[in-house]
């Protein structure tokens, strides 16, 4: 059954098979090969999400690139929304993680690894296991998973964050990530950090504060 940890492990397994020759033979991954691998991994996550019952796009109206209202049923259904900024931060974090794990060289390989990690997260996030957890312990009471368009959009936002971190000094990247967290906290009363905390160890006072924005507190 496509639930629990099976979908993300399938994504990581495919990425591992595609990247293994470059690790085992110590070959350099050029950008053409890296892009091909990234597209294959993103496509595999999209196929798995469809098999898990996620819609391709928003089903109740036209497809839009951007939706700002996180309380709307279009949130996580259109291509981009305020939560897309958390995936930009993912990309910056994955950039730092891959530098530590693989060294500053081989940027194409590190980009492919970052996309594999993000795609695995997208597959995990769209399992019933995680969706039910979101609905049970966070303010995302109306969350039923992402559309495939939104999920792919989140992965592309991660790629933007990765290359953003590659171009900027470390200090500028860190301050930008902090700025995005503060912006989202003030704007939608949520952020990457709050999302992780509330998913793993819910804090009732924070949940009440978040619900006030919807008039439910």
Protein backbone atom coordinates (compact mmCIF):
# COMPACT_ATOMS: atom_id res chain seq x y z
CA UNK A 1 0.00 0.00 0.00
CA UNK A 2 1.30 3.46 -0.89
CA UNK A 3 1.31 5.00 2.55
CA UNK A 4 3.65 5.60 5.44
CA UNK A 5 7.33 5.55 4.57
CA UNK A 6 6.98 3.49 1.40
CA UNK A 7 6.51 6.38 -1.13
CA UNK A 8 9.51 8.45 0.04
CA UNK A 9 11.68 5.34 0.16
CA UNK A 10 10.68 4.54 -3.42
CA UNK A 11 11.68 8.04 -4.50
CA UNK A 12 15.00 7.83 -2.68
CA UNK A 13 15.56 4.33 -4.07
CA UNK A 14 15.15 5.56 -7.64
CA UNK A 15 17.43 8.52 -6.97
CA UNK A 16 19.99 6.17 -5.46
CA UNK A 17 19.93 3.89 -8.50
CA UNK A 18 20.35 6.83 -10.87
CA UNK A 19 23.15 8.41 -8.84
CA UNK A 20 24.98 5.21 -7.84
CA UNK A 21 27.18 5.01 -10.97
CA UNK A 22 28.52 8.49 -10.31
CA UNK A 23 29.36 7.63 -6.71
CA UNK A 24 30.77 4.14 -7.34
CA UNK A 25 32.88 5.10 -10.34
CA UNK A 26 33.77 8.51 -8.94
CA UNK A 27 32.48 10.09 -12.14
CA UNK A 28 31.65 13.78 -12.34
CA UNK A 29 27.96 14.53 -12.80
CA UNK A 30 27.53 17.12 -15.52
CA UNK A 31 24.51 19.39 -15.56
CA UNK A 32 22.81 17.52 -18.41
CA UNK A 33 22.90 14.27 -16.45
CA UNK A 34 21.88 16.04 -13.22
CA UNK A 35 18.85 17.70 -14.84
CA UNK A 36 17.78 14.37 -16.37
CA UNK A 37 18.02 12.69 -12.97
CA UNK A 38 16.12 15.53 -11.27
CA UNK A 39 13.32 15.37 -13.82
CA UNK A 40 13.04 11.59 -13.39
CA UNK A 41 12.89 11.90 -9.61
CA UNK A 42 10.31 14.71 -9.70
CA UNK A 43 8.21 12.68 -12.14
CA UNK A 44 8.40 9.60 -9.90
CA UNK A 45 7.11 11.60 -6.93
CA UNK A 46 4.30 13.00 -9.08
CA UNK A 47 3.26 9.52 -10.23
CA UNK A 48 3.25 8.23 -6.66
CA UNK A 49 1.14 11.16 -5.52
CA UNK A 50 -1.40 10.43 -8.25
CA UNK A 51 -1.46 6.79 -7.15
CA UNK A 52 -2.14 8.00 -3.61
CA UNK A 53 -5.19 9.88 -4.88
CA UNK A 54 -3.87 13.43 -5.07
CA UNK A 55 -5.40 15.54 -7.86
CA UNK A 56 -3.30 16.84 -10.70
CA UNK A 57 -4.50 20.42 -10.13
CA UNK A 58 -7.19 22.43 -8.39
CA UNK A 59 -10.47 20.71 -9.21
CA UNK A 60 -13.01 23.46 -8.44
CA UNK A 61 -11.88 26.22 -10.76
CA UNK A 62 -9.13 27.48 -13.05
CA UNK A 63 -5.47 26.69 -12.47
CA UNK A 64 -3.57 29.68 -11.12
CA UNK A 65 0.13 30.20 -10.50
CA UNK A 66 -0.38 31.97 -7.16
CA UNK A 67 -2.94 31.98 -4.35
CA UNK A 68 -2.29 34.13 -1.28
CA UNK A 69 -5.15 33.02 0.98
CA UNK A 70 -3.94 30.09 3.09
CA UNK A 71 -7.48 29.62 4.44
CA UNK A 72 -8.85 29.06 0.94
CA UNK A 73 -9.46 25.58 -0.43
CA UNK A 74 -7.00 26.58 -3.16
CA UNK A 75 -4.11 26.55 -0.70
CA UNK A 76 -1.77 23.64 -1.52
CA UNK A 77 -3.77 23.14 -4.74
CA UNK A 78 -2.56 25.95 -6.99
CA UNK A 79 1.04 26.02 -8.20
CA UNK A 80 2.34 28.40 -5.51
CA UNK A 81 1.12 29.83 -2.21
CA UNK A 82 2.73 31.39 0.89
CA UNK A 83 4.01 27.98 1.98
CA UNK A 84 6.13 27.89 -1.18
CA UNK A 85 8.56 30.17 0.65
CA UNK A 86 9.22 27.42 3.19
CA UNK A 87 10.43 25.26 0.32
CA UNK A 88 12.82 27.99 -0.75
CA UNK A 89 14.27 27.64 2.74
CA UNK A 90 14.40 23.86 2.22
CA UNK A 91 16.62 24.47 -0.78
CA UNK A 92 18.99 26.70 1.16
CA UNK A 93 19.19 24.10 3.94
CA UNK A 94 19.82 21.29 1.47
CA UNK A 95 22.56 23.37 -0.12
CA UNK A 96 24.34 23.61 3.23
CA UNK A 97 23.74 19.94 4.03
CA UNK A 98 25.14 18.75 0.70
CA UNK A 99 28.21 20.95 1.10
CA UNK A 100 28.88 19.34 4.48
CA UNK A 101 28.21 15.82 3.20
CA UNK A 102 29.77 15.98 -0.27
CA UNK A 103 32.09 18.97 -0.16
CA UNK A 104 31.74 22.26 -2.04
CA UNK A 105 32.68 20.71 -5.38
CA UNK A 106 30.30 18.79 -7.69
CA UNK A 107 27.40 21.29 -7.57
CA UNK A 108 25.39 19.34 -10.16
CA UNK A 109 25.53 16.19 -8.02
CA UNK A 110 24.54 18.16 -4.92
CA UNK A 111 21.60 19.74 -6.76
CA UNK A 112 20.38 16.28 -7.78
CA UNK A 113 20.66 15.06 -4.19
CA UNK A 114 18.74 18.11 -2.96
CA UNK A 115 15.92 17.45 -5.43
CA UNK A 116 15.84 13.80 -4.36
CA UNK A 117 15.45 14.83 -0.71
CA UNK A 118 12.75 17.37 -1.53
CA UNK A 119 10.86 14.94 -3.75
CA UNK A 120 10.99 12.29 -1.02
CA UNK A 121 9.54 14.82 1.44
CA UNK A 122 6.77 15.69 -1.03
CA UNK A 123 5.92 12.00 -1.37
CA UNK A 124 5.90 11.59 2.43
CA UNK A 125 3.87 14.76 3.00
CA UNK A 126 1.15 13.45 0.70
CA UNK A 127 0.71 10.10 2.42
CA UNK A 128 -2.43 9.57 4.48
CA UNK A 129 -0.18 9.07 7.50
CA UNK A 130 1.16 12.63 7.37
CA UNK A 131 -2.07 14.22 6.14
CA UNK A 132 -3.95 12.72 9.08
CA UNK A 133 -1.22 13.95 11.43
CA UNK A 134 -1.50 17.48 10.05
CA UNK A 135 -5.27 17.45 10.46
CA UNK A 136 -5.09 16.05 13.98
CA UNK A 137 -2.47 18.27 15.62
CA UNK A 138 -2.03 21.43 13.53
CA UNK A 139 -4.31 24.21 12.29
CA UNK A 140 -4.45 22.55 8.86
CA UNK A 141 -7.91 21.12 9.53
CA UNK A 142 -8.89 21.35 5.86
CA UNK A 143 -5.67 19.85 4.51
CA UNK A 144 -6.16 16.83 2.27
CA UNK A 145 -2.78 16.81 0.57
CA UNK A 146 -1.21 18.78 -2.27
CA UNK A 147 -2.18 18.78 -5.91
CA UNK A 148 0.55 17.42 -8.16
CA UNK A 149 1.02 20.91 -9.63
CA UNK A 150 1.53 22.33 -6.13
CA UNK A 151 3.93 19.56 -5.18
CA UNK A 152 6.04 20.10 -8.29
CA UNK A 153 5.90 23.85 -7.63
CA UNK A 154 7.23 23.24 -4.12
CA UNK A 155 10.11 21.20 -5.52
CA UNK A 156 10.96 23.96 -7.98
CA UNK A 157 10.87 26.47 -5.11
CA UNK A 158 13.42 24.25 -3.37
CA UNK A 159 15.62 24.39 -6.48
CA UNK A 160 15.36 28.21 -6.40
CA UNK A 161 16.46 28.19 -2.76
CA UNK A 162 19.38 25.87 -3.55
CA UNK A 163 20.75 28.12 -6.29
CA UNK A 164 19.99 31.23 -4.25
CA UNK A 165 22.22 29.83 -1.49
CA UNK A 166 24.88 28.93 -4.07
CA UNK A 167 25.13 32.54 -5.24
CA UNK A 168 24.96 34.39 -1.93
CA UNK A 169 27.43 34.53 0.95
CA UNK A 170 26.53 32.23 3.85
CA UNK A 171 25.60 35.15 6.11
CA UNK A 172 23.23 36.62 3.52
CA UNK A 173 21.58 33.21 3.02
CA UNK A 174 21.09 32.75 6.76
CA UNK A 175 19.56 36.21 7.20
CA UNK A 176 17.30 35.68 4.20
CA UNK A 177 16.04 32.39 5.67
CA UNK A 178 15.41 34.10 9.01
CA UNK A 179 13.62 36.93 7.20
CA UNK A 180 11.35 34.47 5.39
CA UNK A 181 10.50 32.76 8.67
CA UNK A 182 9.61 36.08 10.31
CA UNK A 183 7.61 37.21 7.28
CA UNK A 184 5.53 34.04 7.24
CA UNK A 185 5.03 34.12 11.01
CA UNK A 186 3.61 37.63 10.81
CA UNK A 187 1.70 37.02 7.57
CA UNK A 188 0.07 33.59 8.03
CA UNK A 189 1.07 32.76 11.63
CA UNK A 190 3.03 29.78 10.39
CA UNK A 191 6.52 29.07 9.09
CA UNK A 192 8.86 26.17 8.40
CA UNK A 193 10.00 26.05 12.03
CA UNK A 194 6.47 26.33 13.45
CA UNK A 195 5.25 23.71 10.99
CA UNK A 196 7.91 21.23 12.11
CA UNK A 197 7.36 21.93 15.82
CA UNK A 198 3.58 21.60 15.57
CA UNK A 199 3.83 18.42 13.52
CA UNK A 200 6.26 16.71 15.91
CA UNK A 201 5.32 18.18 19.30
CA UNK A 202 2.13 20.28 19.17
CA UNK A 203 1.92 23.26 21.52
CA UNK A 204 -1.68 24.12 22.35
CA UNK A 205 -0.98 27.82 22.96
CA UNK A 206 0.59 28.14 19.51
CA UNK A 207 -2.31 26.28 17.90
CA UNK A 208 -4.81 28.62 19.60
CA UNK A 209 -2.85 31.66 18.40
CA UNK A 210 -2.78 30.29 14.86
CA UNK A 211 -6.51 29.55 14.89
CA UNK A 212 -7.29 33.17 15.77
CA UNK A 213 -6.41 34.22 12.24
CA UNK A 214 -9.34 32.15 11.01
CA UNK A 215 -11.64 33.33 13.79
CA UNK A 216 -11.61 29.86 15.33
CA UNK A 217 -9.58 30.65 18.43
